[in-house]
């Protein structure tokens, strides 16, 4: 499927190249919808593109150099990395030297495009999962058990991994440390669940939507606060903690919330910004603002961890998910934008 900026996306039959030696052809069963997909659709790219980057499906064909998966394996798709640069070889693929080109360049690293014959570009996050089939590599594939509900696992590839990873990897929050999470959408609620898992206390969820705050309490927030116009949010946070906060996670992109979170940081405190780099250089000594990508997660180890935690009932992300037929993608995106649905997942095909 492809479309112009902000216009009605259209479904098309496209010709996809066969997988190269290091590539895998995946038949997609489901794809989550992430805010990044929506932003790219709204603001657009020149020419037709295929979006989607929270795919899950079944391997149909592998290149001759692929070793970790084979035909019939169930897989979750995550972000792409080159596997050759220093961060990648050092176990930090989220810091890949070619992250931007591989995930937002709508092409392979060599500039080629498996959909070129159609005048359309794919390879979004190395997958372009708003499709029935896609090409990926071993670096952005995670093999999962065939006993698990594959369509439910799709959103683990980006948003949920980012929220949980920010708490568990990027910030490395410890038991008894305070954390405020600004925005309780899918990413923020994943951060809330992760904060409960590591034993943070207090865990403060902040949002403007009351229903999300209720869910935040059910999923692990010890306190929830409204960010409505008449609330003195900063004072309310300090009244809970008795001081400032040890950690903050800012998911909304609201500059005023970022500034507030910075003011609230305790000595040694850290704020994770998930919506782009922060230019703040006026923090008191010992405080730090970090821009986080993908929760600094290595998908092949972190996604299985999240699945294990889900199996124990500690990461019940199914409570965020609502399924939509593939052809209802516009309704799914609209429901995400309005907050009606926290994490829409498109049902693309069947497993059999």
C-alpha atoms as a PDB file:
ATOM      1  CA  UNK A   1       0.000   0.000   0.000  1.00  0.00           C
ATOM      2  CA  UNK A   2       1.181   3.482  -0.752  1.00  0.00           C
ATOM      3  CA  UNK A   3      -0.111   7.024  -0.766  1.00  0.00           C
ATOM      4  CA  UNK A   4       0.607  10.737  -0.816  1.00  0.00           C
ATOM      5  CA  UNK A   5       1.122  12.941   2.239  1.00  0.00           C
ATOM      6  CA  UNK A   6      -2.014  13.087   4.337  1.00  0.00           C
ATOM      7  CA  UNK A   7      -4.117  11.643   1.535  1.00  0.00           C
ATOM      8  CA  UNK A   8      -6.084   8.470   1.363  1.00  0.00           C
ATOM      9  CA  UNK A   9      -3.713   5.539   1.326  1.00  0.00           C
ATOM     10  CA  UNK A  10      -4.407   3.019  -1.379  1.00  0.00           C
ATOM     11  CA  UNK A  11      -3.918  -0.701  -1.709  1.00  0.00           C
ATOM     12  CA  UNK A  12      -1.944  -1.835  -4.737  1.00  0.00           C
ATOM     13  CA  UNK A  13      -0.563  -5.091  -6.054  1.00  0.00           C
ATOM     14  CA  UNK A  14       3.206  -4.681  -6.186  1.00  0.00           C
ATOM     15  CA  UNK A  15       6.080  -6.789  -7.458  1.00  0.00           C
ATOM     16  CA  UNK A  16       8.657  -7.545  -4.745  1.00  0.00           C
ATOM     17  CA  UNK A  17      12.168  -8.687  -5.613  1.00  0.00           C
ATOM     18  CA  UNK A  18      13.288 -12.114  -4.439  1.00  0.00           C
ATOM     19  CA  UNK A  19      15.361 -12.076  -1.250  1.00  0.00           C
ATOM     20  CA  UNK A  20      19.077 -11.461  -1.606  1.00  0.00           C
ATOM     21  CA  UNK A  21      21.583 -13.820   0.022  1.00  0.00           C
ATOM     22  CA  UNK A  22      21.232 -12.089   3.419  1.00  0.00           C
ATOM     23  CA  UNK A  23      17.481 -11.444   3.235  1.00  0.00           C
ATOM     24  CA  UNK A  24      14.325 -13.218   4.337  1.00  0.00           C
ATOM     25  CA  UNK A  25      10.910 -13.137   2.691  1.00  0.00           C
ATOM     26  CA  UNK A  26       8.206 -12.865   5.356  1.00  0.00           C
ATOM     27  CA  UNK A  27       4.468 -13.322   4.867  1.00  0.00           C
ATOM     28  CA  UNK A  28       2.955 -10.832   7.259  1.00  0.00           C
ATOM     29  CA  UNK A  29       0.182 -11.801   9.634  1.00  0.00           C
ATOM     30  CA  UNK A  30      -0.127  -8.517  11.519  1.00  0.00           C
ATOM     31  CA  UNK A  31       1.400  -5.097  11.976  1.00  0.00           C
ATOM     32  CA  UNK A  32       1.110  -2.626  14.787  1.00  0.00           C
ATOM     33  CA  UNK A  33       0.576   1.037  13.994  1.00  0.00           C
ATOM     34  CA  UNK A  34       3.085   3.359  15.630  1.00  0.00           C
ATOM     35  CA  UNK A  35       2.920   7.138  15.901  1.00  0.00           C
ATOM     36  CA  UNK A  36       5.953   7.289  13.599  1.00  0.00           C
ATOM     37  CA  UNK A  37       3.893   5.626  10.850  1.00  0.00           C
ATOM     38  CA  UNK A  38       1.157   8.193  11.344  1.00  0.00           C
ATOM     39  CA  UNK A  39       3.582  11.118  11.283  1.00  0.00           C
ATOM     40  CA  UNK A  40       5.204   9.873   8.077  1.00  0.00           C
ATOM     41  CA  UNK A  41       1.773   9.469   6.499  1.00  0.00           C
ATOM     42  CA  UNK A  42       0.656  12.940   7.578  1.00  0.00           C
ATOM     43  CA  UNK A  43       3.784  14.766   6.468  1.00  0.00           C
ATOM     44  CA  UNK A  44       4.702  12.407   3.686  1.00  0.00           C
ATOM     45  CA  UNK A  45       7.576  11.446   1.470  1.00  0.00           C
ATOM     46  CA  UNK A  46       8.117  12.256  -2.188  1.00  0.00           C
ATOM     47  CA  UNK A  47       6.542   9.502  -4.247  1.00  0.00           C
ATOM     48  CA  UNK A  48       4.763   6.395  -3.061  1.00  0.00           C
ATOM     49  CA  UNK A  49       6.116   4.558  -0.036  1.00  0.00           C
ATOM     50  CA  UNK A  50       5.087   1.547   2.005  1.00  0.00           C
ATOM     51  CA  UNK A  51       5.034   2.288   5.739  1.00  0.00           C
ATOM     52  CA  UNK A  52       4.713  -0.021   8.753  1.00  0.00           C
ATOM     53  CA  UNK A  53       7.436  -1.120  11.160  1.00  0.00           C
ATOM     54  CA  UNK A  54       5.854  -3.371  13.789  1.00  0.00           C
ATOM     55  CA  UNK A  55       5.390  -6.483  11.688  1.00  0.00           C
ATOM     56  CA  UNK A  56       4.940 -10.121  12.627  1.00  0.00           C
ATOM     57  CA  UNK A  57       4.686 -13.015  10.241  1.00  0.00           C
ATOM     58  CA  UNK A  58       5.911 -16.327   8.895  1.00  0.00           C
ATOM     59  CA  UNK A  59       9.139 -16.932   6.997  1.00  0.00           C
ATOM     60  CA  UNK A  60       8.500 -18.094   3.423  1.00  0.00           C
ATOM     61  CA  UNK A  61      11.950 -17.976   1.843  1.00  0.00           C
ATOM     62  CA  UNK A  62      15.512 -17.299   2.965  1.00  0.00           C
ATOM     63  CA  UNK A  63      18.679 -16.229   1.193  1.00  0.00           C
ATOM     64  CA  UNK A  64      21.555 -18.712   1.113  1.00  0.00           C
ATOM     65  CA  UNK A  65      23.544 -16.919   3.830  1.00  0.00           C
ATOM     66  CA  UNK A  66      20.693 -16.789   6.364  1.00  0.00           C
ATOM     67  CA  UNK A  67      21.210 -19.159   9.292  1.00  0.00           C
ATOM     68  CA  UNK A  68      19.004 -18.096  12.225  1.00  0.00           C
ATOM     69  CA  UNK A  69      15.577 -18.712  10.636  1.00  0.00           C
ATOM     70  CA  UNK A  70      14.081 -21.054   8.078  1.00  0.00           C
ATOM     71  CA  UNK A  71      10.850 -21.487   6.153  1.00  0.00           C
ATOM     72  CA  UNK A  72       7.835 -21.748   8.470  1.00  0.00           C
ATOM     73  CA  UNK A  73       9.406 -19.954  11.426  1.00  0.00           C
ATOM     74  CA  UNK A  74       7.303 -17.340  13.191  1.00  0.00           C
ATOM     75  CA  UNK A  75       9.044 -13.989  13.532  1.00  0.00           C
ATOM     76  CA  UNK A  76       8.592 -10.501  14.963  1.00  0.00           C
ATOM     77  CA  UNK A  77      10.172  -7.661  12.991  1.00  0.00           C
ATOM     78  CA  UNK A  78      12.008  -4.780  14.639  1.00  0.00           C
ATOM     79  CA  UNK A  79      14.327  -1.947  13.574  1.00  0.00           C
ATOM     80  CA  UNK A  80      17.177  -2.420  11.118  1.00  0.00           C
ATOM     81  CA  UNK A  81      20.930  -2.107  11.721  1.00  0.00           C
ATOM     82  CA  UNK A  82      23.980  -2.683   9.538  1.00  0.00           C
ATOM     83  CA  UNK A  83      25.716  -5.268  11.721  1.00  0.00           C
ATOM     84  CA  UNK A  84      29.151  -4.023  10.695  1.00  0.00           C
ATOM     85  CA  UNK A  85      29.823  -0.660  12.338  1.00  0.00           C
ATOM     86  CA  UNK A  86      31.476  -0.311  15.746  1.00  0.00           C
ATOM     87  CA  UNK A  87      28.214   0.127  17.732  1.00  0.00           C
ATOM     88  CA  UNK A  88      26.683  -2.917  16.032  1.00  0.00           C
ATOM     89  CA  UNK A  89      29.696  -5.160  16.605  1.00  0.00           C
ATOM     90  CA  UNK A  90      29.817  -3.845  20.171  1.00  0.00           C
ATOM     91  CA  UNK A  91      26.271  -5.020  20.893  1.00  0.00           C
ATOM     92  CA  UNK A  92      24.576  -1.619  20.534  1.00  0.00           C
ATOM     93  CA  UNK A  93      22.571  -1.867  17.279  1.00  0.00           C
ATOM     94  CA  UNK A  94      20.264   1.017  18.287  1.00  0.00           C
ATOM     95  CA  UNK A  95      23.347   3.241  17.953  1.00  0.00           C
ATOM     96  CA  UNK A  96      24.129   1.908  14.463  1.00  0.00           C
ATOM     97  CA  UNK A  97      26.154   4.397  12.431  1.00  0.00           C
ATOM     98  CA  UNK A  98      23.663   3.914   9.590  1.00  0.00           C
ATOM     99  CA  UNK A  99      20.474   3.916  11.681  1.00  0.00           C
ATOM    100  CA  UNK A 100      18.855   6.825   9.832  1.00  0.00           C
ATOM    101  CA  UNK A 101      19.516   5.512   6.331  1.00  0.00           C
ATOM    102  CA  UNK A 102      18.428   1.972   7.167  1.00  0.00           C
ATOM    103  CA  UNK A 103      15.247   2.887   9.011  1.00  0.00           C
ATOM    104  CA  UNK A 104      14.083   6.097   7.351  1.00  0.00           C
ATOM    105  CA  UNK A 105      15.831   5.994   3.969  1.00  0.00           C
ATOM    106  CA  UNK A 106      13.247   3.758   2.215  1.00  0.00           C
ATOM    107  CA  UNK A 107      16.090   1.780   0.649  1.00  0.00           C
ATOM    108  CA  UNK A 108      18.757  -0.765   1.396  1.00  0.00           C
ATOM    109  CA  UNK A 109      22.073   0.633   2.551  1.00  0.00           C
ATOM    110  CA  UNK A 110      23.426   0.395  -0.999  1.00  0.00           C
ATOM    111  CA  UNK A 111      20.542   2.585  -2.176  1.00  0.00           C
ATOM    112  CA  UNK A 112      18.628  -0.204  -3.929  1.00  0.00           C
ATOM    113  CA  UNK A 113      14.930  -0.808  -3.413  1.00  0.00           C
ATOM    114  CA  UNK A 114      13.122  -4.143  -3.703  1.00  0.00           C
ATOM    115  CA  UNK A 115       9.973  -2.361  -4.949  1.00  0.00           C
ATOM    116  CA  UNK A 116      11.743  -0.255  -7.590  1.00  0.00           C
ATOM    117  CA  UNK A 117       9.905  -1.922 -10.485  1.00  0.00           C
ATOM    118  CA  UNK A 118       6.672  -0.413  -9.188  1.00  0.00           C
ATOM    119  CA  UNK A 119       7.916   3.142  -8.705  1.00  0.00           C
ATOM    120  CA  UNK A 120       7.322   2.706  -4.972  1.00  0.00           C
ATOM    121  CA  UNK A 121       9.811   2.595  -2.085  1.00  0.00           C
ATOM    122  CA  UNK A 122       9.855   0.166   0.836  1.00  0.00           C
ATOM    123  CA  UNK A 123      12.423  -0.929   3.445  1.00  0.00           C
ATOM    124  CA  UNK A 124      10.875   1.343   6.111  1.00  0.00           C
ATOM    125  CA  UNK A 125      12.699   0.276   9.292  1.00  0.00           C
ATOM    126  CA  UNK A 126      14.028  -2.528   7.122  1.00  0.00           C
ATOM    127  CA  UNK A 127      10.547  -4.003   6.745  1.00  0.00           C
ATOM    128  CA  UNK A 128       7.607  -1.869   5.458  1.00  0.00           C
ATOM    129  CA  UNK A 129       5.041  -4.076   7.189  1.00  0.00           C
ATOM    130  CA  UNK A 130       1.836  -2.494   5.837  1.00  0.00           C
ATOM    131  CA  UNK A 131       1.910  -5.228   3.218  1.00  0.00           C
ATOM    132  CA  UNK A 132       1.157  -8.902   2.754  1.00  0.00           C
ATOM    133  CA  UNK A 133       4.849  -9.743   2.196  1.00  0.00           C
ATOM    134  CA  UNK A 134       8.126  -8.042   2.979  1.00  0.00           C
ATOM    135  CA  UNK A 135      11.878  -8.513   2.934  1.00  0.00           C
ATOM    136  CA  UNK A 136      13.917  -8.296   6.123  1.00  0.00           C
ATOM    137  CA  UNK A 137      17.299  -9.465   7.396  1.00  0.00           C
ATOM    138  CA  UNK A 138      18.403 -11.553  10.347  1.00  0.00           C
ATOM    139  CA  UNK A 139      19.335  -8.328  12.163  1.00  0.00           C
ATOM    140  CA  UNK A 140      15.746  -7.123  12.395  1.00  0.00           C
ATOM    141  CA  UNK A 141      14.072 -10.512  12.825  1.00  0.00           C
ATOM    142  CA  UNK A 142      13.288 -12.198  16.120  1.00  0.00           C
ATOM    143  CA  UNK A 143      12.229 -15.840  16.019  1.00  0.00           C
ATOM    144  CA  UNK A 144       9.323 -16.612  18.370  1.00  0.00           C
ATOM    145  CA  UNK A 145       7.504 -19.747  19.453  1.00  0.00           C
ATOM    146  CA  UNK A 146       4.766 -21.000  17.141  1.00  0.00           C
ATOM    147  CA  UNK A 147       2.651 -21.589  20.245  1.00  0.00           C
ATOM    148  CA  UNK A 148       2.341 -17.847  20.847  1.00  0.00           C
ATOM    149  CA  UNK A 149      -0.394 -15.604  19.341  1.00  0.00           C
ATOM    150  CA  UNK A 150       1.671 -14.075  16.536  1.00  0.00           C
ATOM    151  CA  UNK A 151      -0.650 -11.153  15.817  1.00  0.00           C
ATOM    152  CA  UNK A 152      -0.458 -10.019  19.449  1.00  0.00           C
ATOM    153  CA  UNK A 153       3.342  -9.942  19.365  1.00  0.00           C
ATOM    154  CA  UNK A 154       3.592  -7.448  16.481  1.00  0.00           C
ATOM    155  CA  UNK A 155       3.770  -4.218  18.557  1.00  0.00           C
ATOM    156  CA  UNK A 156       6.744  -5.545  20.521  1.00  0.00           C
ATOM    157  CA  UNK A 157       8.975  -4.575  17.603  1.00  0.00           C
ATOM    158  CA  UNK A 158       9.002  -0.844  18.289  1.00  0.00           C
ATOM    159  CA  UNK A 159       6.694   1.046  20.658  1.00  0.00           C
ATOM    160  CA  UNK A 160       6.533  -1.419  23.529  1.00  0.00           C
ATOM    161  CA  UNK A 161      10.211  -2.271  23.207  1.00  0.00           C
ATOM    162  CA  UNK A 162      11.035   1.447  23.302  1.00  0.00           C
ATOM    163  CA  UNK A 163       8.995   2.198  26.419  1.00  0.00           C
ATOM    164  CA  UNK A 164      10.126  -0.801  28.422  1.00  0.00           C
ATOM    165  CA  UNK A 165      13.706  -0.599  27.191  1.00  0.00           C
ATOM    166  CA  UNK A 166      14.011   3.033  28.188  1.00  0.00           C
ATOM    167  CA  UNK A 167      13.310   2.124  31.808  1.00  0.00           C
ATOM    168  CA  UNK A 168      15.197  -1.154  31.945  1.00  0.00           C
ATOM    169  CA  UNK A 169      18.147  -0.445  29.623  1.00  0.00           C
ATOM    170  CA  UNK A 170      18.654   3.262  28.918  1.00  0.00           C
ATOM    171  CA  UNK A 171      17.924   4.544  32.426  1.00  0.00           C
ATOM    172  CA  UNK A 172      18.547   1.279  34.281  1.00  0.00           C
ATOM    173  CA  UNK A 173      16.053   2.284  36.977  1.00  0.00           C
ATOM    174  CA  UNK A 174      16.507   0.452  40.271  1.00  0.00           C
ATOM    175  CA  UNK A 175      14.091  -0.591  42.993  1.00  0.00           C
ATOM    176  CA  UNK A 176      12.960   2.253  45.211  1.00  0.00           C
ATOM    177  CA  UNK A 177      13.878   5.020  42.752  1.00  0.00           C
ATOM    178  CA  UNK A 178      11.227   7.517  41.696  1.00  0.00           C
ATOM    179  CA  UNK A 179      10.110   7.944  38.103  1.00  0.00           C
ATOM    180  CA  UNK A 180       7.629  10.196  36.315  1.00  0.00           C
ATOM    181  CA  UNK A 181       6.339   9.132  32.908  1.00  0.00           C
ATOM    182  CA  UNK A 182       4.952  11.962  30.818  1.00  0.00           C
ATOM    183  CA  UNK A 183       2.354  10.534  28.449  1.00  0.00           C
ATOM    184  CA  UNK A 184       0.611   7.204  28.965  1.00  0.00           C
ATOM    185  CA  UNK A 185       0.086   6.044  25.426  1.00  0.00           C
ATOM    186  CA  UNK A 186       1.534   2.738  24.285  1.00  0.00           C
ATOM    187  CA  UNK A 187       5.155   3.762  24.861  1.00  0.00           C
ATOM    188  CA  UNK A 188       4.426   5.405  28.199  1.00  0.00           C
ATOM    189  CA  UNK A 189       2.360   2.505  29.500  1.00  0.00           C
ATOM    190  CA  UNK A 190       5.110   0.082  28.485  1.00  0.00           C
ATOM    191  CA  UNK A 191       7.429   2.252  30.578  1.00  0.00           C
ATOM    192  CA  UNK A 192       4.963   2.099  33.482  1.00  0.00           C
ATOM    193  CA  UNK A 193       4.856  -1.702  33.339  1.00  0.00           C
ATOM    194  CA  UNK A 194       8.641  -1.892  33.163  1.00  0.00           C
ATOM    195  CA  UNK A 195       8.968   0.485  36.111  1.00  0.00           C
ATOM    196  CA  UNK A 196       6.750  -1.808  38.169  1.00  0.00           C
ATOM    197  CA  UNK A 197       8.820  -4.826  37.114  1.00  0.00           C
ATOM    198  CA  UNK A 198      12.076  -3.231  38.332  1.00  0.00           C
ATOM    199  CA  UNK A 199      10.447  -2.041  41.573  1.00  0.00           C
ATOM    200  CA  UNK A 200      10.538   1.728  41.037  1.00  0.00           C
ATOM    201  CA  UNK A 201       8.651   3.732  43.655  1.00  0.00           C
ATOM    202  CA  UNK A 202       6.825   5.998  43.259  1.00  0.00           C
ATOM    203  CA  UNK A 203       5.774   5.519  39.643  1.00  0.00           C
ATOM    204  CA  UNK A 204       3.894   8.592  38.447  1.00  0.00           C
ATOM    205  CA  UNK A 205       1.904   8.450  35.198  1.00  0.00           C
ATOM    206  CA  UNK A 206       0.896  11.751  33.626  1.00  0.00           C
ATOM    207  CA  UNK A 207      -1.617  12.297  30.813  1.00  0.00           C
ATOM    208  CA  UNK A 208      -4.550  14.456  29.745  1.00  0.00           C
ATOM    209  CA  UNK A 209      -6.862  11.491  29.081  1.00  0.00           C
ATOM    210  CA  UNK A 210      -8.589  10.139  32.211  1.00  0.00           C
ATOM    211  CA  UNK A 211      -9.122   6.636  30.788  1.00  0.00           C
ATOM    212  CA  UNK A 212      -5.411   6.252  30.162  1.00  0.00           C
ATOM    213  CA  UNK A 213      -4.662   7.321  33.715  1.00  0.00           C
ATOM    214  CA  UNK A 214      -7.055   4.700  35.058  1.00  0.00           C
ATOM    215  CA  UNK A 215      -5.326   2.049  32.967  1.00  0.00           C
ATOM    216  CA  UNK A 216      -1.955   3.361  34.114  1.00  0.00           C
ATOM    217  CA  UNK A 217      -2.905   2.702  37.733  1.00  0.00           C
ATOM    218  CA  UNK A 218      -4.047  -0.800  36.852  1.00  0.00           C
ATOM    219  CA  UNK A 219      -0.785  -1.531  35.043  1.00  0.00           C
ATOM    220  CA  UNK A 220       1.550  -0.376  37.790  1.00  0.00           C
ATOM    221  CA  UNK A 221       1.571   3.369  38.353  1.00  0.00           C
ATOM    222  CA  UNK A 222       1.476   4.145  42.071  1.00  0.00           C
ATOM    223  CA  UNK A 223       0.123   7.613  41.281  1.00  0.00           C
ATOM    224  CA  UNK A 224      -1.470   9.251  38.241  1.00  0.00           C
ATOM    225  CA  UNK A 225      -1.789  12.946  37.528  1.00  0.00           C
ATOM    226  CA  UNK A 226      -3.775  14.898  34.996  1.00  0.00           C
ATOM    227  CA  UNK A 227      -1.956  17.409  32.864  1.00  0.00           C
ATOM    228  CA  UNK A 228      -5.060  19.475  32.303  1.00  0.00           C
ATOM    229  CA  UNK A 229      -4.816  23.235  32.100  1.00  0.00           C
ATOM    230  CA  UNK A 230      -5.924  23.880  35.685  1.00  0.00           C
ATOM    231  CA  UNK A 231      -3.575  21.408  37.372  1.00  0.00           C
ATOM    232  CA  UNK A 232      -0.369  22.503  39.056  1.00  0.00           C
ATOM    233  CA  UNK A 233       1.503  19.485  37.799  1.00  0.00           C
ATOM    234  CA  UNK A 234       4.930  20.378  39.120  1.00  0.00           C
ATOM    235  CA  UNK A 235       3.704  20.896  42.674  1.00  0.00           C
ATOM    236  CA  UNK A 236       1.613  17.745  42.497  1.00  0.00           C
ATOM    237  CA  UNK A 237       4.653  15.695  41.535  1.00  0.00           C
ATOM    238  CA  UNK A 238       6.820  17.092  44.329  1.00  0.00           C
ATOM    239  CA  UNK A 239       4.041  16.512  46.837  1.00  0.00           C
ATOM    240  CA  UNK A 240       4.144  12.816  45.932  1.00  0.00           C
ATOM    241  CA  UNK A 241       7.916  12.384  45.962  1.00  0.00           C
ATOM    242  CA  UNK A 242       8.722  14.835  48.763  1.00  0.00           C
ATOM    243  CA  UNK A 243      11.428  16.283  46.532  1.00  0.00           C
ATOM    244  CA  UNK A 244      12.054  15.879  42.819  1.00  0.00           C
ATOM    245  CA  UNK A 245      12.282  12.766  40.676  1.00  0.00           C
ATOM    246  CA  UNK A 246      15.175  10.395  40.123  1.00  0.00           C
ATOM    247  CA  UNK A 247      14.111   9.590  36.576  1.00  0.00           C
ATOM    248  CA  UNK A 248      11.750  10.917  33.959  1.00  0.00           C
ATOM    249  CA  UNK A 249      10.483   9.584  30.633  1.00  0.00           C
ATOM    250  CA  UNK A 250       9.083  12.188  28.234  1.00  0.00           C
ATOM    251  CA  UNK A 251       7.037  10.614  25.436  1.00  0.00           C
ATOM    252  CA  UNK A 252       4.831  13.512  24.326  1.00  0.00           C
ATOM    253  CA  UNK A 253       7.182  15.872  22.518  1.00  0.00           C
ATOM    254  CA  UNK A 254       5.844  18.780  24.607  1.00  0.00           C
ATOM    255  CA  UNK A 255       8.760  21.160  25.216  1.00  0.00           C
ATOM    256  CA  UNK A 256       7.127  22.615  28.313  1.00  0.00           C
ATOM    257  CA  UNK A 257       6.878  19.159  29.893  1.00  0.00           C
ATOM    258  CA  UNK A 258      10.519  18.507  29.084  1.00  0.00           C
ATOM    259  CA  UNK A 259      11.532  21.747  30.785  1.00  0.00           C
ATOM    260  CA  UNK A 260       9.424  20.876  33.813  1.00  0.00           C
ATOM    261  CA  UNK A 261      10.907  17.401  34.022  1.00  0.00           C
ATOM    262  CA  UNK A 262      14.395  18.917  33.928  1.00  0.00           C
ATOM    263  CA  UNK A 263      13.549  21.227  36.819  1.00  0.00           C
ATOM    264  CA  UNK A 264      12.276  18.270  38.809  1.00  0.00           C
ATOM    265  CA  UNK A 265      15.361  16.094  38.439  1.00  0.00           C
ATOM    266  CA  UNK A 266      17.097  15.221  41.681  1.00  0.00           C
ATOM    267  CA  UNK A 267      20.899  15.364  41.858  1.00  0.00           C
ATOM    268  CA  UNK A 268      22.141  12.530  39.653  1.00  0.00           C
ATOM    269  CA  UNK A 269      18.743  12.320  37.985  1.00  0.00           C
ATOM    270  CA  UNK A 270      18.217  11.503  34.313  1.00  0.00           C
ATOM    271  CA  UNK A 271      15.479  12.343  31.855  1.00  0.00           C
ATOM    272  CA  UNK A 272      14.904  10.218  28.766  1.00  0.00           C
ATOM    273  CA  UNK A 273      13.436  12.060  25.781  1.00  0.00           C
ATOM    274  CA  UNK A 274      11.876   9.727  23.234  1.00  0.00           C
ATOM    275  CA  UNK A 275      10.751  12.173  20.562  1.00  0.00           C
ATOM    276  CA  UNK A 276      14.054  13.539  19.301  1.00  0.00           C
ATOM    277  CA  UNK A 277      17.282  15.038  20.562  1.00  0.00           C
ATOM    278  CA  UNK A 278      17.231  17.518  23.406  1.00  0.00           C
ATOM    279  CA  UNK A 279      19.274  20.668  23.124  1.00  0.00           C
ATOM    280  CA  UNK A 280      19.258  21.439  26.813  1.00  0.00           C
ATOM    281  CA  UNK A 281      22.640  22.407  28.181  1.00  0.00           C
ATOM    282  CA  UNK A 282      21.531  24.418  31.199  1.00  0.00           C
ATOM    283  CA  UNK A 283      20.986  21.578  33.670  1.00  0.00           C
ATOM    284  CA  UNK A 284      22.458  21.757  37.157  1.00  0.00           C
ATOM    285  CA  UNK A 285      25.559  19.640  37.569  1.00  0.00           C
ATOM    286  CA  UNK A 286      24.929  15.919  37.832  1.00  0.00           C
ATOM    287  CA  UNK A 287      21.586  15.910  36.011  1.00  0.00           C
ATOM    288  CA  UNK A 288      21.354  14.601  32.475  1.00  0.00           C
ATOM    289  CA  UNK A 289      18.947  14.525  29.545  1.00  0.00           C
ATOM    290  CA  UNK A 290      19.375  11.659  27.088  1.00  0.00           C
ATOM    291  CA  UNK A 291      17.722  11.081  23.738  1.00  0.00           C
ATOM    292  CA  UNK A 292      16.731   7.417  23.525  1.00  0.00           C
ATOM    293  CA  UNK A 293      16.258   5.288  20.408  1.00  0.00           C
ATOM    294  CA  UNK A 294      14.397   1.977  20.644  1.00  0.00           C
ATOM    295  CA  UNK A 295      15.061   1.762  24.381  1.00  0.00           C
ATOM    296  CA  UNK A 296      18.666   0.794  23.616  1.00  0.00           C
ATOM    297  CA  UNK A 297      17.295  -2.698  23.103  1.00  0.00           C
ATOM    298  CA  UNK A 298      18.879  -5.571  21.221  1.00  0.00           C
ATOM    299  CA  UNK A 299      15.676  -7.042  19.733  1.00  0.00           C
ATOM    300  CA  UNK A 300      16.893 -10.650  19.633  1.00  0.00           C
ATOM    301  CA  UNK A 301      17.329 -10.682  23.420  1.00  0.00           C
ATOM    302  CA  UNK A 302      14.947  -7.988  24.655  1.00  0.00           C
ATOM    303  CA  UNK A 303      11.800  -9.034  22.797  1.00  0.00           C
ATOM    304  CA  UNK A 304      12.067 -12.614  24.139  1.00  0.00           C
ATOM    305  CA  UNK A 305      12.463 -11.100  27.612  1.00  0.00           C
ATOM    306  CA  UNK A 306       9.257  -9.093  27.178  1.00  0.00           C
ATOM    307  CA  UNK A 307       7.480 -12.214  25.949  1.00  0.00           C
ATOM    308  CA  UNK A 308       8.693 -14.109  29.012  1.00  0.00           C
ATOM    309  CA  UNK A 309       7.503 -11.328  31.311  1.00  0.00           C
ATOM    310  CA  UNK A 310       4.147 -11.330  29.521  1.00  0.00           C
ATOM    311  CA  UNK A 311       3.842 -15.057  30.106  1.00  0.00           C
ATOM    312  CA  UNK A 312       4.328 -14.442  33.825  1.00  0.00           C
ATOM    313  CA  UNK A 313       1.598 -11.785  33.818  1.00  0.00           C
ATOM    314  CA  UNK A 314       4.108  -9.005  34.527  1.00  0.00           C
ATOM    315  CA  UNK A 315       3.901  -7.257  31.154  1.00  0.00           C
ATOM    316  CA  UNK A 316       0.208  -7.499  30.155  1.00  0.00           C
ATOM    317  CA  UNK A 317       0.484  -5.429  27.001  1.00  0.00           C
ATOM    318  CA  UNK A 318      -2.557  -7.128  25.486  1.00  0.00           C
ATOM    319  CA  UNK A 319      -4.597  -4.619  27.467  1.00  0.00           C
ATOM    320  CA  UNK A 320      -3.328  -1.859  25.182  1.00  0.00           C
ATOM    321  CA  UNK A 321      -4.153  -3.607  21.914  1.00  0.00           C
ATOM    322  CA  UNK A 322      -7.174  -3.383  19.638  1.00  0.00           C
ATOM    323  CA  UNK A 323      -7.260  -5.332  16.366  1.00  0.00           C
ATOM    324  CA  UNK A 324      -8.463  -3.942  13.039  1.00  0.00           C
ATOM    325  CA  UNK A 325      -8.891  -5.527   9.604  1.00  0.00           C
ATOM    326  CA  UNK A 326      -6.130  -4.430   7.229  1.00  0.00           C
ATOM    327  CA  UNK A 327      -8.587  -2.498   5.044  1.00  0.00           C
ATOM    328  CA  UNK A 328      -9.594  -0.434   8.097  1.00  0.00           C
ATOM    329  CA  UNK A 329      -6.154   1.154   8.394  1.00  0.00           C
ATOM    330  CA  UNK A 330      -7.539   4.700   8.196  1.00  0.00           C
ATOM    331  CA  UNK A 331      -9.968   4.067  11.049  1.00  0.00           C
ATOM    332  CA  UNK A 332      -7.156   2.484  13.063  1.00  0.00           C
ATOM    333  CA  UNK A 333      -4.918   5.521  12.544  1.00  0.00           C
ATOM    334  CA  UNK A 334      -7.737   7.909  13.344  1.00  0.00           C
ATOM    335  CA  UNK A 335      -8.555   6.021  16.544  1.00  0.00           C
ATOM    336  CA  UNK A 336      -4.902   6.208  17.533  1.00  0.00           C
ATOM    337  CA  UNK A 337      -4.738   9.958  16.878  1.00  0.00           C
ATOM    338  CA  UNK A 338      -7.863  10.660  18.930  1.00  0.00           C
ATOM    339  CA  UNK A 339      -6.753   8.394  21.757  1.00  0.00           C
ATOM    340  CA  UNK A 340      -9.689   6.026  21.315  1.00  0.00           C
ATOM    341  CA  UNK A 341      -7.231   3.167  20.842  1.00  0.00           C
ATOM    342  CA  UNK A 342      -3.866   2.988  22.550  1.00  0.00           C
ATOM    343  CA  UNK A 343      -2.193   0.439  20.264  1.00  0.00           C
ATOM    344  CA  UNK A 344      -3.972  -0.471  17.021  1.00  0.00           C
ATOM    345  CA  UNK A 345      -2.832  -3.688  15.338  1.00  0.00           C
ATOM    346  CA  UNK A 346      -3.761  -4.544  11.766  1.00  0.00           C
ATOM    347  CA  UNK A 347      -4.748  -8.120  10.968  1.00  0.00           C
ATOM    348  CA  UNK A 348      -3.140  -8.650   7.585  1.00  0.00           C
ATOM    349  CA  UNK A 349      -3.316 -12.396   6.921  1.00  0.00           C
ATOM    350  CA  UNK A 350      -3.810 -15.814   8.418  1.00  0.00           C
ATOM    351  CA  UNK A 351      -1.123 -18.023   9.924  1.00  0.00           C
ATOM    352  CA  UNK A 352      -2.013 -21.217   8.112  1.00  0.00           C
END
